[in-house]
Amino acid sequence: MSDAATDLKKQVTDYLATVFPETQGNEGWSLRVSMPFPQSWNGQPTPIVWYAYADRSSPQSPNGVEVSQAWATVTQEADPSRPLQLAWLQEGIVPLGFQGAPPLSQADLQVARSSVGNWPALTEGQPTDGIKASAQFFRKIQGVFFNSVAPNHPEFVSWLSEP
């Protein structure tokens, strides 16, 4: 995993952590940050978007968590020297549904360890096996949330479904 990728993920997470207490009704919820999604997916440099959402334990889902809708986004322009941009999507935490915990294989764990290192290539807009594997892994473990934002990224999601 590259230091730049780790630093960028930490920068986004730290930034969102500073505004998370400002959300309405966040009792019991924990901040979560999605994988970065490309704004477009056409082989050209593109901004990438992280979604801020939340999850919490629930007696209704003992082997999973309740997840919220996205409440904010952080965008990084294709030019990484530009500052991150925060956009509020809603004022409070709005429950979305329950996410179970799927069993993970050794291959899944290997993808998880390398995922963050794949994300900087997203701004270049070029498909790679690492990006595809990392995004498919995020979809597997966070499918309820992933499916809620997938309509915002149709070309990328379509590419993920290709063999």
N, C-alpha and C. Protein backbone atom coordinates (compact mmCIF):
# COMPACT_ATOMS: atom_id res chain seq x y z
N MET A 1 0.86 -1.17 0.00
CA MET A 1 0.00 0.00 0.00
C MET A 1 0.90 1.23 0.00
N SER A 2 0.61 2.16 -0.87
CA SER A 2 1.47 3.34 -0.97
C SER A 2 1.19 4.30 0.18
N ASP A 3 2.23 5.04 0.56
CA ASP A 3 2.08 6.04 1.63
C ASP A 3 1.09 7.12 1.21
N ALA A 4 1.12 7.52 -0.06
CA ALA A 4 0.21 8.56 -0.54
C ALA A 4 -1.24 8.11 -0.41
N ALA A 5 -1.51 6.84 -0.74
CA ALA A 5 -2.88 6.32 -0.64
C ALA A 5 -3.33 6.27 0.81
N THR A 6 -2.46 5.81 1.69
CA THR A 6 -2.79 5.75 3.11
C THR A 6 -3.02 7.15 3.66
N ASP A 7 -2.16 8.10 3.27
CA ASP A 7 -2.30 9.48 3.74
C ASP A 7 -3.61 10.09 3.26
N LEU A 8 -3.98 9.84 2.00
CA LEU A 8 -5.21 10.41 1.47
C LEU A 8 -6.43 9.83 2.18
N LYS A 9 -6.47 8.53 2.38
CA LYS A 9 -7.59 7.90 3.09
C LYS A 9 -7.68 8.46 4.51
N LYS A 10 -6.56 8.62 5.18
CA LYS A 10 -6.55 9.18 6.53
C LYS A 10 -7.01 10.63 6.51
N GLN A 11 -6.57 11.39 5.52
CA GLN A 11 -6.98 12.79 5.42
C GLN A 11 -8.50 12.90 5.26
N VAL A 12 -9.09 12.06 4.41
CA VAL A 12 -10.54 12.09 4.20
C VAL A 12 -11.26 11.67 5.48
N THR A 13 -10.81 10.60 6.11
CA THR A 13 -11.45 10.11 7.33
C THR A 13 -11.34 11.13 8.45
N ASP A 14 -10.16 11.71 8.64
CA ASP A 14 -9.98 12.72 9.69
C ASP A 14 -10.87 13.94 9.44
N TYR A 15 -10.97 14.35 8.19
CA TYR A 15 -11.79 15.50 7.82
C TYR A 15 -13.25 15.22 8.16
N LEU A 16 -13.75 14.05 7.79
CA LEU A 16 -15.14 13.71 8.08
C LEU A 16 -15.38 13.55 9.58
N ALA A 17 -14.39 13.08 10.31
CA ALA A 17 -14.54 12.93 11.76
C ALA A 17 -14.76 14.28 12.45
N THR A 18 -14.23 15.34 11.86
CA THR A 18 -14.41 16.66 12.47
C THR A 18 -15.83 17.17 12.29
N VAL A 19 -16.52 16.75 11.24
CA VAL A 19 -17.89 17.23 11.01
C VAL A 19 -18.95 16.22 11.45
N PHE A 20 -18.57 14.99 11.74
CA PHE A 20 -19.54 13.96 12.12
C PHE A 20 -20.38 14.36 13.33
N PRO A 21 -19.80 14.97 14.37
CA PRO A 21 -20.63 15.36 15.52
C PRO A 21 -21.71 16.39 15.16
N GLU A 22 -21.56 17.08 14.04
CA GLU A 22 -22.56 18.07 13.63
C GLU A 22 -23.80 17.46 13.02
N THR A 23 -23.75 16.15 12.69
CA THR A 23 -24.93 15.52 12.12
C THR A 23 -25.98 15.36 13.20
N GLN A 24 -27.23 15.35 12.78
CA GLN A 24 -28.33 15.25 13.72
C GLN A 24 -28.63 13.78 14.01
N GLY A 25 -28.88 13.46 15.25
CA GLY A 25 -29.32 12.11 15.62
C GLY A 25 -28.27 11.04 15.44
N ASN A 26 -27.02 11.35 15.79
CA ASN A 26 -25.97 10.36 15.57
C ASN A 26 -25.71 9.46 16.78
N GLU A 27 -26.64 9.44 17.75
CA GLU A 27 -26.45 8.63 18.95
C GLU A 27 -26.31 7.14 18.58
N GLY A 28 -25.24 6.56 19.03
CA GLY A 28 -25.02 5.14 18.78
C GLY A 28 -24.44 4.83 17.41
N TRP A 29 -24.36 5.79 16.56
CA TRP A 29 -23.82 5.57 15.22
C TRP A 29 -22.32 5.81 15.21
N SER A 30 -21.61 5.06 14.38
CA SER A 30 -20.17 5.24 14.17
C SER A 30 -19.92 5.69 12.74
N LEU A 31 -19.00 6.62 12.59
CA LEU A 31 -18.64 7.13 11.27
C LEU A 31 -18.04 6.02 10.42
N ARG A 32 -18.46 5.95 9.17
CA ARG A 32 -17.86 5.06 8.18
C ARG A 32 -17.60 5.88 6.93
N VAL A 33 -16.55 5.51 6.21
CA VAL A 33 -16.19 6.18 4.96
C VAL A 33 -16.11 5.10 3.89
N SER A 34 -16.82 5.34 2.78
CA SER A 34 -16.85 4.36 1.70
C SER A 34 -15.51 4.29 0.98
N MET A 35 -15.43 3.33 0.09
CA MET A 35 -14.34 3.34 -0.90
C MET A 35 -14.54 4.60 -1.75
N PRO A 36 -13.51 5.07 -2.42
CA PRO A 36 -13.72 6.19 -3.34
C PRO A 36 -14.37 5.69 -4.63
N PHE A 37 -15.31 6.47 -5.13
CA PHE A 37 -15.98 6.16 -6.39
C PHE A 37 -15.58 7.20 -7.43
N PRO A 38 -15.30 6.78 -8.68
CA PRO A 38 -15.00 7.76 -9.72
C PRO A 38 -16.28 8.47 -10.14
N GLN A 39 -16.21 9.79 -10.37
CA GLN A 39 -17.41 10.51 -10.83
C GLN A 39 -17.82 10.08 -12.22
N SER A 40 -16.86 9.74 -13.06
CA SER A 40 -17.16 9.19 -14.38
C SER A 40 -16.19 8.02 -14.60
N TRP A 41 -16.46 7.23 -15.60
CA TRP A 41 -15.59 6.07 -15.86
C TRP A 41 -15.50 5.87 -17.35
N ASN A 42 -14.66 6.73 -17.98
CA ASN A 42 -14.56 6.71 -19.43
C ASN A 42 -13.12 6.72 -19.93
N GLY A 43 -12.19 6.31 -19.09
CA GLY A 43 -10.79 6.27 -19.50
C GLY A 43 -10.06 7.59 -19.39
N GLN A 44 -10.75 8.61 -18.88
CA GLN A 44 -10.15 9.94 -18.73
C GLN A 44 -9.95 10.25 -17.24
N PRO A 45 -9.03 11.16 -16.91
CA PRO A 45 -8.89 11.57 -15.51
C PRO A 45 -10.23 12.06 -14.96
N THR A 46 -10.50 11.71 -13.71
CA THR A 46 -11.80 12.02 -13.12
C THR A 46 -11.68 12.30 -11.63
N PRO A 47 -12.54 13.18 -11.11
CA PRO A 47 -12.59 13.34 -9.65
C PRO A 47 -13.09 12.04 -9.00
N ILE A 48 -12.71 11.84 -7.74
CA ILE A 48 -13.23 10.70 -7.00
C ILE A 48 -14.00 11.20 -5.78
N VAL A 49 -15.00 10.41 -5.39
CA VAL A 49 -15.92 10.80 -4.33
C VAL A 49 -15.94 9.72 -3.26
N TRP A 50 -15.76 10.15 -2.01
CA TRP A 50 -15.96 9.27 -0.86
C TRP A 50 -17.31 9.64 -0.26
N TYR A 51 -18.03 8.66 0.21
CA TYR A 51 -19.30 8.90 0.89
C TYR A 51 -19.12 8.69 2.38
N ALA A 52 -19.68 9.61 3.15
CA ALA A 52 -19.72 9.45 4.60
C ALA A 52 -21.07 8.83 4.94
N TYR A 53 -21.03 7.79 5.73
CA TYR A 53 -22.24 7.15 6.21
C TYR A 53 -21.96 6.68 7.62
N ALA A 54 -22.86 5.94 8.20
CA ALA A 54 -22.66 5.49 9.58
C ALA A 54 -23.22 4.09 9.73
N ASP A 55 -22.79 3.43 10.79
CA ASP A 55 -23.40 2.15 11.14
C ASP A 55 -23.48 2.03 12.65
N ARG A 56 -24.30 1.08 13.10
CA ARG A 56 -24.45 0.83 14.53
C ARG A 56 -24.92 -0.60 14.73
N SER A 57 -24.61 -1.11 15.91
CA SER A 57 -25.08 -2.44 16.29
C SER A 57 -26.59 -2.41 16.42
N SER A 58 -27.19 -3.57 16.18
CA SER A 58 -28.65 -3.65 16.29
C SER A 58 -29.04 -5.03 16.78
N PRO A 59 -29.95 -5.09 17.75
CA PRO A 59 -30.42 -6.40 18.19
C PRO A 59 -31.19 -7.13 17.09
N GLN A 60 -31.68 -6.39 16.10
CA GLN A 60 -32.39 -7.00 14.98
C GLN A 60 -31.45 -7.70 14.01
N SER A 61 -30.18 -7.40 14.10
CA SER A 61 -29.19 -7.99 13.19
C SER A 61 -27.94 -8.35 13.99
N PRO A 62 -28.01 -9.44 14.79
CA PRO A 62 -26.88 -9.77 15.67
C PRO A 62 -25.59 -10.11 14.93
N ASN A 63 -25.67 -10.52 13.66
CA ASN A 63 -24.47 -10.85 12.89
C ASN A 63 -24.14 -9.77 11.87
N GLY A 64 -24.61 -8.57 12.11
CA GLY A 64 -24.36 -7.49 11.18
C GLY A 64 -24.61 -6.16 11.86
N VAL A 65 -24.84 -5.16 11.05
CA VAL A 65 -25.05 -3.81 11.56
C VAL A 65 -26.16 -3.13 10.77
N GLU A 66 -26.72 -2.09 11.38
CA GLU A 66 -27.63 -1.21 10.67
C GLU A 66 -26.78 -0.12 10.03
N VAL A 67 -27.00 0.16 8.75
CA VAL A 67 -26.24 1.19 8.06
C VAL A 67 -27.16 2.35 7.69
N SER A 68 -26.55 3.51 7.56
CA SER A 68 -27.31 4.71 7.22
C SER A 68 -27.14 5.05 5.74
N GLN A 69 -27.98 5.96 5.30
CA GLN A 69 -27.78 6.57 4.00
C GLN A 69 -26.53 7.44 4.07
N ALA A 70 -25.99 7.77 2.91
CA ALA A 70 -24.87 8.71 2.86
C ALA A 70 -25.36 10.06 3.37
N TRP A 71 -24.57 10.71 4.22
CA TRP A 71 -24.96 12.02 4.74
C TRP A 71 -24.05 13.14 4.24
N ALA A 72 -22.92 12.77 3.63
CA ALA A 72 -22.02 13.77 3.05
C ALA A 72 -21.12 13.09 2.04
N THR A 73 -20.51 13.90 1.19
CA THR A 73 -19.48 13.40 0.29
C THR A 73 -18.23 14.27 0.45
N VAL A 74 -17.10 13.67 0.15
CA VAL A 74 -15.84 14.40 0.03
C VAL A 74 -15.31 14.07 -1.35
N THR A 75 -15.02 15.12 -2.12
CA THR A 75 -14.54 14.95 -3.49
C THR A 75 -13.10 15.41 -3.60
N GLN A 76 -12.31 14.60 -4.29
CA GLN A 76 -10.95 14.99 -4.65
C GLN A 76 -10.94 15.16 -6.17
N GLU A 77 -10.54 16.32 -6.62
CA GLU A 77 -10.45 16.56 -8.06
C GLU A 77 -9.37 15.66 -8.66
N ALA A 78 -9.40 15.50 -9.98
CA ALA A 78 -8.38 14.69 -10.66
C ALA A 78 -6.99 15.24 -10.40
N ASP A 79 -6.88 16.55 -10.17
CA ASP A 79 -5.62 17.18 -9.81
C ASP A 79 -5.48 17.10 -8.29
N PRO A 80 -4.62 16.22 -7.76
CA PRO A 80 -4.55 16.01 -6.32
C PRO A 80 -4.05 17.22 -5.52
N SER A 81 -3.55 18.25 -6.20
CA SER A 81 -3.11 19.44 -5.46
C SER A 81 -4.29 20.32 -5.06
N ARG A 82 -5.47 20.06 -5.62
CA ARG A 82 -6.67 20.82 -5.27
C ARG A 82 -7.19 20.35 -3.92
N PRO A 83 -7.79 21.23 -3.13
CA PRO A 83 -8.28 20.83 -1.80
C PRO A 83 -9.50 19.91 -1.90
N LEU A 84 -9.69 19.11 -0.87
CA LEU A 84 -10.87 18.25 -0.78
C LEU A 84 -12.10 19.14 -0.63
N GLN A 85 -13.24 18.68 -1.18
CA GLN A 85 -14.48 19.45 -1.10
C GLN A 85 -15.54 18.63 -0.38
N LEU A 86 -16.12 19.20 0.67
CA LEU A 86 -17.18 18.56 1.44
C LEU A 86 -18.53 19.04 0.92
N ALA A 87 -19.46 18.11 0.75
CA ALA A 87 -20.84 18.46 0.38
C ALA A 87 -21.79 17.69 1.30
N TRP A 88 -22.66 18.41 1.97
CA TRP A 88 -23.67 17.79 2.84
C TRP A 88 -24.80 17.27 1.97
N LEU A 89 -25.22 16.04 2.20
CA LEU A 89 -26.34 15.46 1.46
C LEU A 89 -27.64 15.54 2.23
N GLN A 90 -27.54 15.55 3.55
CA GLN A 90 -28.71 15.65 4.41
C GLN A 90 -28.25 16.08 5.80
N GLU A 91 -29.18 16.52 6.62
CA GLU A 91 -28.82 17.02 7.95
C GLU A 91 -28.56 15.95 8.98
N GLY A 92 -29.23 14.85 8.89
CA GLY A 92 -29.09 13.85 9.95
C GLY A 92 -28.78 12.47 9.43
N ILE A 93 -28.64 11.57 10.38
CA ILE A 93 -28.41 10.17 10.06
C ILE A 93 -29.76 9.53 9.77
N VAL A 94 -29.91 8.96 8.59
CA VAL A 94 -31.16 8.32 8.20
C VAL A 94 -30.87 6.83 7.96
N PRO A 95 -31.49 5.94 8.75
CA PRO A 95 -31.25 4.51 8.56
C PRO A 95 -31.58 4.06 7.14
N LEU A 96 -30.78 3.15 6.62
CA LEU A 96 -30.95 2.62 5.27
C LEU A 96 -31.39 1.17 5.31
N GLY A 97 -30.74 0.35 6.15
CA GLY A 97 -31.06 -1.08 6.21
C GLY A 97 -30.02 -1.82 7.02
N PHE A 98 -30.12 -3.13 6.98
CA PHE A 98 -29.22 -3.98 7.75
C PHE A 98 -28.24 -4.68 6.82
N GLN A 99 -26.98 -4.70 7.24
CA GLN A 99 -25.91 -5.33 6.48
C GLN A 99 -25.37 -6.50 7.28
N GLY A 100 -25.48 -7.69 6.73
CA GLY A 100 -24.91 -8.87 7.37
C GLY A 100 -23.41 -8.90 7.19
N ALA A 101 -22.78 -9.83 7.87
CA ALA A 101 -21.33 -10.00 7.77
C ALA A 101 -21.05 -11.26 6.95
N PRO A 102 -20.68 -11.10 5.66
CA PRO A 102 -20.43 -12.29 4.84
C PRO A 102 -19.15 -12.99 5.25
N PRO A 103 -19.07 -14.30 5.05
CA PRO A 103 -17.81 -15.01 5.32
C PRO A 103 -16.74 -14.53 4.34
N LEU A 104 -15.51 -14.42 4.83
CA LEU A 104 -14.41 -13.94 4.00
C LEU A 104 -13.41 -15.06 3.74
N SER A 105 -12.98 -15.17 2.50
CA SER A 105 -11.98 -16.15 2.11
C SER A 105 -10.59 -15.55 2.27
N GLN A 106 -9.57 -16.37 2.10
CA GLN A 106 -8.19 -15.88 2.13
C GLN A 106 -7.97 -14.87 1.00
N ALA A 107 -8.58 -15.13 -0.16
CA ALA A 107 -8.45 -14.19 -1.29
C ALA A 107 -9.08 -12.84 -0.93
N ASP A 108 -10.24 -12.87 -0.24
CA ASP A 108 -10.87 -11.63 0.20
C ASP A 108 -9.95 -10.85 1.12
N LEU A 109 -9.32 -11.54 2.05
CA LEU A 109 -8.44 -10.87 3.00
C LEU A 109 -7.23 -10.26 2.29
N GLN A 110 -6.73 -10.95 1.28
CA GLN A 110 -5.60 -10.40 0.52
C GLN A 110 -6.03 -9.14 -0.22
N VAL A 111 -7.22 -9.13 -0.81
CA VAL A 111 -7.73 -7.94 -1.49
C VAL A 111 -7.90 -6.81 -0.48
N ALA A 112 -8.43 -7.13 0.69
CA ALA A 112 -8.65 -6.10 1.71
C ALA A 112 -7.34 -5.42 2.09
N ARG A 113 -6.28 -6.20 2.22
CA ARG A 113 -4.98 -5.63 2.61
C ARG A 113 -4.40 -4.71 1.54
N SER A 114 -4.75 -4.95 0.28
CA SER A 114 -4.15 -4.15 -0.80
C SER A 114 -5.09 -3.07 -1.34
N SER A 115 -6.33 -3.02 -0.87
CA SER A 115 -7.33 -2.12 -1.46
C SER A 115 -6.93 -0.66 -1.48
N VAL A 116 -6.51 -0.12 -0.36
CA VAL A 116 -6.22 1.32 -0.28
C VAL A 116 -5.16 1.71 -1.31
N GLY A 117 -4.20 0.84 -1.55
CA GLY A 117 -3.16 1.13 -2.52
C GLY A 117 -3.66 1.24 -3.95
N ASN A 118 -4.84 0.68 -4.23
CA ASN A 118 -5.40 0.74 -5.58
C ASN A 118 -6.14 2.03 -5.87
N TRP A 119 -6.62 2.71 -4.83
CA TRP A 119 -7.52 3.84 -5.05
C TRP A 119 -6.91 5.04 -5.78
N PRO A 120 -5.63 5.42 -5.60
CA PRO A 120 -5.12 6.58 -6.33
C PRO A 120 -5.26 6.46 -7.84
N ALA A 121 -5.22 5.24 -8.37
CA ALA A 121 -5.35 5.04 -9.82
C ALA A 121 -6.74 5.41 -10.32
N LEU A 122 -7.72 5.48 -9.44
CA LEU A 122 -9.08 5.86 -9.87
C LEU A 122 -9.11 7.23 -10.53
N THR A 123 -8.33 8.18 -10.02
CA THR A 123 -8.36 9.53 -10.61
C THR A 123 -7.85 9.53 -12.05
N GLU A 124 -7.04 8.53 -12.40
CA GLU A 124 -6.52 8.44 -13.77
C GLU A 124 -7.58 7.91 -14.73
N GLY A 125 -8.64 7.28 -14.18
CA GLY A 125 -9.73 6.80 -15.01
C GLY A 125 -9.43 5.54 -15.79
N GLN A 126 -8.31 4.90 -15.51
CA GLN A 126 -7.93 3.70 -16.25
C GLN A 126 -8.29 2.44 -15.45
N PRO A 127 -8.99 1.50 -16.08
CA PRO A 127 -9.35 0.26 -15.40
C PRO A 127 -8.12 -0.58 -15.07
N THR A 128 -8.10 -1.13 -13.86
CA THR A 128 -7.05 -2.08 -13.48
C THR A 128 -7.71 -3.23 -12.73
N ASP A 129 -7.04 -4.37 -12.73
CA ASP A 129 -7.55 -5.53 -11.99
C ASP A 129 -7.63 -5.22 -10.50
N GLY A 130 -6.66 -4.44 -9.99
CA GLY A 130 -6.66 -4.10 -8.56
C GLY A 130 -7.85 -3.26 -8.17
N ILE A 131 -8.20 -2.27 -8.99
CA ILE A 131 -9.37 -1.45 -8.72
C ILE A 131 -10.63 -2.32 -8.73
N LYS A 132 -10.74 -3.17 -9.74
CA LYS A 132 -11.93 -4.01 -9.86
C LYS A 132 -12.06 -4.92 -8.64
N ALA A 133 -10.98 -5.59 -8.25
CA ALA A 133 -11.02 -6.50 -7.10
C ALA A 133 -11.37 -5.75 -5.81
N SER A 134 -10.78 -4.57 -5.64
CA SER A 134 -11.04 -3.78 -4.42
C SER A 134 -12.49 -3.32 -4.35
N ALA A 135 -13.03 -2.85 -5.46
CA ALA A 135 -14.42 -2.38 -5.49
C ALA A 135 -15.39 -3.54 -5.32
N GLN A 136 -15.09 -4.69 -5.93
CA GLN A 136 -15.96 -5.85 -5.75
C GLN A 136 -15.94 -6.33 -4.30
N PHE A 137 -14.80 -6.21 -3.64
CA PHE A 137 -14.71 -6.57 -2.24
C PHE A 137 -15.57 -5.62 -1.39
N PHE A 138 -15.48 -4.31 -1.64
CA PHE A 138 -16.29 -3.36 -0.90
C PHE A 138 -17.78 -3.66 -1.11
N ARG A 139 -18.16 -3.98 -2.35
CA ARG A 139 -19.55 -4.31 -2.63
C ARG A 139 -19.97 -5.56 -1.86
N LYS A 140 -19.07 -6.53 -1.72
CA LYS A 140 -19.40 -7.77 -1.01
C LYS A 140 -19.63 -7.51 0.48
N ILE A 141 -18.77 -6.69 1.10
CA ILE A 141 -18.89 -6.50 2.55
C ILE A 141 -19.82 -5.36 2.94
N GLN A 142 -20.11 -4.45 2.01
CA GLN A 142 -20.98 -3.31 2.29
C GLN A 142 -22.04 -3.15 1.19
N GLY A 143 -22.64 -4.27 0.81
CA GLY A 143 -23.57 -4.29 -0.31
C GLY A 143 -24.77 -3.38 -0.16
N VAL A 144 -25.34 -3.30 1.03
CA VAL A 144 -26.52 -2.46 1.23
C VAL A 144 -26.15 -1.00 0.94
N PHE A 145 -25.05 -0.55 1.52
CA PHE A 145 -24.63 0.83 1.26
C PHE A 145 -24.19 1.01 -0.19
N PHE A 146 -23.37 0.10 -0.70
CA PHE A 146 -22.87 0.18 -2.08
C PHE A 146 -24.04 0.35 -3.05
N ASN A 147 -25.07 -0.49 -2.89
CA ASN A 147 -26.21 -0.44 -3.81
C ASN A 147 -26.98 0.88 -3.71
N SER A 148 -26.89 1.55 -2.57
CA SER A 148 -27.61 2.81 -2.42
C SER A 148 -26.93 3.95 -3.18
N VAL A 149 -25.63 3.87 -3.40
CA VAL A 149 -24.92 4.92 -4.14
C VAL A 149 -24.56 4.51 -5.56
N ALA A 150 -24.71 3.23 -5.88
CA ALA A 150 -24.36 2.73 -7.21
C ALA A 150 -25.03 3.51 -8.35
N PRO A 151 -26.30 3.93 -8.22
CA PRO A 151 -26.91 4.68 -9.32
C PRO A 151 -26.19 5.99 -9.65
N ASN A 152 -25.39 6.51 -8.74
CA ASN A 152 -24.62 7.73 -9.00
C ASN A 152 -23.39 7.47 -9.87
N HIS A 153 -23.06 6.19 -10.08
CA HIS A 153 -21.82 5.82 -10.79
C HIS A 153 -22.10 4.67 -11.76
N PRO A 154 -23.04 4.85 -12.71
CA PRO A 154 -23.48 3.72 -13.54
C PRO A 154 -22.40 3.09 -14.41
N GLU A 155 -21.52 3.90 -15.00
CA GLU A 155 -20.48 3.32 -15.86
C GLU A 155 -19.51 2.47 -15.05
N PHE A 156 -19.15 2.95 -13.87
CA PHE A 156 -18.21 2.22 -13.02
C PHE A 156 -18.84 0.90 -12.55
N VAL A 157 -20.07 0.96 -12.09
CA VAL A 157 -20.76 -0.24 -11.59
C VAL A 157 -20.96 -1.24 -12.72
N SER A 158 -21.26 -0.76 -13.91
CA SER A 158 -21.40 -1.65 -15.06
C SER A 158 -20.08 -2.36 -15.35
N TRP A 159 -18.98 -1.62 -15.30
CA TRP A 159 -17.65 -2.21 -15.52
C TRP A 159 -17.35 -3.27 -14.47
N LEU A 160 -17.75 -3.03 -13.22
CA LEU A 160 -17.49 -4.02 -12.16
C LEU A 160 -18.21 -5.33 -12.42
N SER A 161 -19.33 -5.27 -13.13
CA SER A 161 -20.12 -6.47 -13.39
C SER A 161 -19.63 -7.25 -14.62
N GLU A 162 -18.71 -6.66 -15.38
CA GLU A 162 -18.17 -7.36 -16.54
C GLU A 162 -17.27 -8.49 -16.09
N PRO A 163 -17.22 -9.59 -16.87
CA PRO A 163 -16.33 -10.72 -16.50
C PRO A 163 -14.87 -10.37 -16.63
